[in-house]
């Protein structure tokens, strides 16, 4: 991780020193700034700003945001979920052949992507929990929460793409395209339920918060969710945008 930060800072310093030491560089095409607006699933909509620090190197920083609300059913449990995507990244764009093709090592400086959901089973409705078939107690219906978030907020990344946000020469615009991955840890789900659950015939009602078997069922559901989320320890990213040089 330190390698990415070191490389980024060194390139900034080299770029600053080169423009200070050579007045001609301030009037060259390399002294421009480029801004790009992107669509980058699964990170959301974003904006990047890039500055050249050499004939074949740019330093780029940007952010992505997106939000969505959706209600769905899981084994009879209604989940009213809100997806919130928030991330900040920095990359070093290297154009080895002097054209649009580039390699971009970088780092996700902040991973605030998360899902928050409110869980509900209306009273008298059946649902599945662990290996049990249950009914939500009409007098104290089942409610709860589910949260999925990344504990590790900083992660290295690498991208490969075509298009230069700061085109060399007189060209002012480009259509940058990239694909790559973020090497994050898998997100973690925390699932909790309260209220009372009964057998399907309405008998043997138990408090979910205090009953050992029901708590074990909740824990099993949480473990299954986390097993499904394990694939996201490597996040694939595809980005398409439009950029303008100023």
Protein backbone atom coordinates (compact mmCIF):
# COMPACT_ATOMS: atom_id res chain seq x y z
CA UNK A 1 0.00 0.00 0.00
CA UNK A 2 2.84 2.42 0.86
CA UNK A 3 4.22 1.90 -2.65
CA UNK A 4 1.12 3.44 -4.23
CA UNK A 5 1.20 6.50 -1.95
CA UNK A 6 4.96 6.94 -2.43
CA UNK A 7 4.67 6.74 -6.22
CA UNK A 8 1.78 9.19 -6.23
CA UNK A 9 3.57 11.76 -4.05
CA UNK A 10 6.85 11.44 -5.96
CA UNK A 11 5.08 12.06 -9.26
CA UNK A 12 3.35 15.13 -7.85
CA UNK A 13 6.67 16.51 -6.62
CA UNK A 14 8.45 15.76 -9.88
CA UNK A 15 5.65 17.43 -11.86
CA UNK A 16 5.68 20.51 -9.65
CA UNK A 17 9.47 20.86 -9.78
CA UNK A 18 9.62 20.42 -13.54
CA UNK A 19 7.07 23.18 -14.14
CA UNK A 20 8.75 25.49 -11.66
CA UNK A 21 12.23 24.93 -13.11
CA UNK A 22 11.17 25.32 -16.74
CA UNK A 23 8.91 28.25 -17.55
CA UNK A 24 8.24 26.88 -21.00
CA UNK A 25 6.39 23.91 -19.51
CA UNK A 26 3.72 26.27 -18.19
CA UNK A 27 2.72 27.19 -21.72
CA UNK A 28 2.98 23.67 -23.11
CA UNK A 29 0.06 21.25 -23.63
CA UNK A 30 1.28 19.34 -20.56
CA UNK A 31 0.26 22.24 -18.30
CA UNK A 32 -3.46 21.70 -18.92
CA UNK A 33 -5.99 20.10 -16.56
CA UNK A 34 -8.55 17.51 -17.67
CA UNK A 35 -11.95 16.77 -16.15
CA UNK A 36 -13.94 13.62 -16.90
CA UNK A 37 -17.49 12.59 -16.02
CA UNK A 38 -17.90 8.83 -15.86
CA UNK A 39 -20.25 5.92 -15.39
CA UNK A 40 -18.34 3.19 -13.55
CA UNK A 41 -20.37 0.14 -12.49
CA UNK A 42 -20.51 -1.04 -9.79
CA UNK A 43 -19.12 2.15 -8.20
CA UNK A 44 -21.72 4.53 -9.65
CA UNK A 45 -21.49 7.89 -11.38
CA UNK A 46 -18.23 9.75 -10.99
CA UNK A 47 -15.92 12.62 -11.83
CA UNK A 48 -12.14 12.61 -12.29
CA UNK A 49 -9.60 15.40 -12.54
CA UNK A 50 -6.14 14.77 -14.02
CA UNK A 51 -2.93 16.77 -14.45
CA UNK A 52 0.11 15.75 -16.53
CA UNK A 53 3.43 15.25 -14.72
CA UNK A 54 5.35 14.13 -17.79
CA UNK A 55 4.94 13.50 -21.49
CA UNK A 56 3.49 10.04 -20.80
CA UNK A 57 2.24 10.30 -17.22
CA UNK A 58 -0.82 11.85 -15.55
CA UNK A 59 -1.87 11.97 -11.91
CA UNK A 60 -5.62 11.53 -11.49
CA UNK A 61 -8.05 11.71 -8.59
CA UNK A 62 -11.79 11.24 -8.51
CA UNK A 63 -14.92 10.13 -6.72
CA UNK A 64 -18.01 8.00 -7.38
CA UNK A 65 -21.52 8.24 -5.93
CA UNK A 66 -24.86 6.49 -6.39
CA UNK A 67 -27.97 5.67 -4.36
CA UNK A 68 -30.90 3.30 -4.76
CA UNK A 69 -33.79 2.05 -2.64
CA UNK A 70 -35.38 -1.32 -3.25
CA UNK A 71 -37.69 -3.66 -1.35
CA UNK A 72 -37.38 -7.42 -1.75
CA UNK A 73 -38.36 -10.64 -0.03
CA UNK A 74 -35.96 -13.23 1.39
CA UNK A 75 -37.55 -16.41 2.80
CA UNK A 76 -40.63 -14.46 3.83
CA UNK A 77 -38.64 -11.63 5.45
CA UNK A 78 -39.31 -8.28 3.75
CA UNK A 79 -36.14 -6.17 3.44
CA UNK A 80 -36.47 -2.47 2.66
CA UNK A 81 -32.93 -1.79 1.49
CA UNK A 82 -31.01 1.40 0.69
CA UNK A 83 -27.85 1.11 -1.40
CA UNK A 84 -25.36 3.92 -0.85
CA UNK A 85 -22.22 4.08 -2.99
CA UNK A 86 -19.47 6.51 -1.96
CA UNK A 87 -15.80 6.14 -2.92
CA UNK A 88 -12.69 8.25 -3.57
CA UNK A 89 -9.74 7.02 -5.67
CA UNK A 90 -6.36 8.17 -7.02
CA UNK A 91 -4.43 6.72 -9.97
CA UNK A 92 -1.19 7.17 -11.84
CA UNK A 93 -1.93 6.98 -15.60
CA UNK A 94 1.05 5.78 -17.64
CA UNK A 95 0.82 5.93 -21.46
CA UNK A 96 3.71 3.64 -22.51
CA UNK A 97 3.23 4.17 -26.26
CA UNK A 98 2.33 7.86 -26.12
CA UNK A 99 -1.22 7.27 -27.34
CA UNK A 100 -4.49 6.63 -25.52
CA UNK A 101 -3.64 3.18 -24.13
CA UNK A 102 -2.69 3.41 -20.47
CA UNK A 103 -1.89 1.39 -17.38
CA UNK A 104 -3.18 2.86 -14.13
CA UNK A 105 -2.03 1.56 -10.73
CA UNK A 106 -3.79 3.33 -7.90
CA UNK A 107 -5.57 3.20 -4.61
CA UNK A 108 -9.14 3.52 -3.39
CA UNK A 109 -8.62 6.07 -0.64
CA UNK A 110 -12.12 5.70 0.79
CA UNK A 111 -14.61 2.86 0.35
CA UNK A 112 -17.93 3.98 1.80
CA UNK A 113 -20.09 1.58 -0.23
CA UNK A 114 -22.78 0.02 1.94
CA UNK A 115 -26.32 -1.35 2.17
CA UNK A 116 -28.72 -0.67 5.04
CA UNK A 117 -32.00 -2.55 5.29
CA UNK A 118 -34.97 -2.67 7.65
CA UNK A 119 -36.40 -6.19 8.08
CA UNK A 120 -40.07 -6.97 8.76
CA UNK A 121 -42.35 -9.99 8.88
CA UNK A 122 -45.96 -8.84 9.36
CA UNK A 123 -47.82 -10.54 12.22
CA UNK A 124 -49.28 -13.90 11.26
CA UNK A 125 -47.10 -14.25 8.13
CA UNK A 126 -44.87 -17.32 7.64
CA UNK A 127 -41.09 -17.08 7.15
CA UNK A 128 -37.97 -19.23 7.18
CA UNK A 129 -35.11 -18.73 9.60
CA UNK A 130 -32.17 -21.12 9.62
CA UNK A 131 -33.71 -24.59 9.28
CA UNK A 132 -37.00 -23.60 10.93
CA UNK A 133 -40.37 -22.76 9.40
CA UNK A 134 -41.94 -20.09 11.60
CA UNK A 135 -44.76 -17.55 11.87
CA UNK A 136 -44.40 -13.95 13.02
CA UNK A 137 -46.28 -13.41 16.29
CA UNK A 138 -49.22 -11.01 15.64
CA UNK A 139 -48.77 -9.40 19.07
CA UNK A 140 -45.02 -8.75 18.65
CA UNK A 141 -44.15 -9.04 14.94
CA UNK A 142 -40.65 -9.84 13.80
CA UNK A 143 -38.52 -6.79 12.95
CA UNK A 144 -34.82 -6.23 12.49
CA UNK A 145 -31.96 -4.70 10.54
CA UNK A 146 -29.29 -5.77 8.06
CA UNK A 147 -26.12 -3.79 7.33
CA UNK A 148 -23.51 -4.63 4.70
CA UNK A 149 -20.34 -2.52 4.70
CA UNK A 150 -16.59 -2.65 4.04
CA UNK A 151 -14.48 -2.60 7.20
CA UNK A 152 -11.35 -1.89 5.16
CA UNK A 153 -11.80 1.59 3.68
CA UNK A 154 -8.48 1.78 1.77
CA UNK A 155 -7.56 -0.72 -0.95
CA UNK A 156 -5.12 -0.95 -3.90
CA UNK A 157 -6.47 -1.05 -7.44
CA UNK A 158 -5.28 -1.33 -11.01
CA UNK A 159 -6.92 -0.38 -14.29
CA UNK A 160 -6.19 -0.70 -18.01
CA UNK A 161 -7.82 1.62 -20.51
CA UNK A 162 -7.90 3.78 -23.61
CA UNK A 163 -8.26 7.54 -23.82
CA UNK A 164 -6.37 10.40 -22.18
CA UNK A 165 -8.29 12.82 -19.93
CA UNK A 166 -5.58 15.40 -20.73
CA UNK A 167 -4.89 14.83 -24.45
CA UNK A 168 -1.49 15.97 -25.67
CA UNK A 169 -1.48 18.49 -28.49
CA UNK A 170 -4.45 20.63 -29.56
CA UNK A 171 -7.20 18.07 -28.93
CA UNK A 172 -9.57 19.19 -26.17
CA UNK A 173 -11.81 16.16 -25.51
CA UNK A 174 -11.73 12.36 -25.29
CA UNK A 175 -13.94 9.38 -24.40
CA UNK A 176 -11.95 7.41 -21.80
CA UNK A 177 -12.74 3.74 -21.25
CA UNK A 178 -11.24 1.57 -18.51
CA UNK A 179 -11.60 -1.78 -16.84
CA UNK A 180 -9.86 -3.10 -13.76
CA UNK A 181 -10.22 -4.34 -10.20
CA UNK A 182 -10.10 -3.10 -6.60
CA UNK A 183 -8.34 -5.53 -4.26
CA UNK A 184 -10.55 -5.00 -1.22
CA UNK A 185 -11.53 -7.30 1.58
CA UNK A 186 -15.02 -8.75 1.36
CA UNK A 187 -17.80 -6.67 2.90
CA UNK A 188 -19.28 -7.84 6.18
CA UNK A 189 -22.99 -8.32 6.88
CA UNK A 190 -24.52 -7.81 10.33
CA UNK A 191 -28.03 -9.27 10.58
CA UNK A 192 -30.25 -8.92 13.63
CA UNK A 193 -33.90 -9.75 14.40
CA UNK A 194 -36.22 -9.01 17.30
CA UNK A 195 -39.82 -9.66 18.13
CA UNK A 196 -41.44 -13.04 18.61
CA UNK A 197 -41.65 -16.10 16.36
CA UNK A 198 -44.06 -19.03 16.68
CA UNK A 199 -44.46 -22.45 15.16
CA UNK A 200 -46.50 -22.53 11.96
CA UNK A 201 -49.61 -23.55 13.96
CA UNK A 202 -49.25 -20.47 16.16
CA UNK A 203 -47.97 -22.29 19.26
CA UNK A 204 -44.61 -22.23 21.05
CA UNK A 205 -43.99 -18.50 20.59
CA UNK A 206 -40.46 -17.42 21.54
CA UNK A 207 -38.62 -14.13 21.89
CA UNK A 208 -35.98 -14.05 19.15
CA UNK A 209 -33.63 -11.86 21.21
CA UNK A 210 -33.47 -14.32 24.13
CA UNK A 211 -34.16 -17.76 22.65
CA UNK A 212 -30.84 -19.63 22.08
CA UNK A 213 -32.13 -21.66 19.11
CA UNK A 214 -33.57 -18.64 17.30
CA UNK A 215 -30.37 -16.70 17.93
CA UNK A 216 -28.43 -19.59 16.42
CA UNK A 217 -30.75 -19.45 13.39
CA UNK A 218 -30.11 -15.71 13.00
CA UNK A 219 -26.36 -16.34 13.20
CA UNK A 220 -26.63 -19.02 10.54
CA UNK A 221 -28.46 -16.61 8.21
CA UNK A 222 -25.74 -14.02 8.78
CA UNK A 223 -22.99 -16.52 7.98
CA UNK A 224 -24.74 -17.52 4.74
CA UNK A 225 -24.98 -13.87 3.68
CA UNK A 226 -21.28 -13.35 4.38
CA UNK A 227 -20.40 -16.47 2.40
CA UNK A 228 -22.26 -15.00 -0.59
CA UNK A 229 -20.44 -11.66 -0.16
CA UNK A 230 -16.98 -13.24 -0.11
CA UNK A 231 -16.74 -12.89 -3.91
CA UNK A 232 -16.56 -9.09 -3.46
CA UNK A 233 -13.05 -9.21 -1.99
CA UNK A 234 -12.05 -8.37 -5.57
CA UNK A 235 -14.35 -5.71 -7.06
CA UNK A 236 -14.43 -5.54 -10.88
CA UNK A 237 -14.78 -2.04 -12.32
CA UNK A 238 -15.74 -0.85 -15.81
CA UNK A 239 -15.68 2.88 -16.57
CA UNK A 240 -16.86 4.91 -19.57
CA UNK A 241 -16.79 8.68 -19.63
CA UNK A 242 -16.41 11.98 -21.44
CA UNK A 243 -13.54 14.34 -20.68
CA UNK A 244 -12.60 17.93 -21.50
CA UNK A 245 -9.16 19.58 -21.29
CA UNK A 246 -8.90 23.11 -19.94
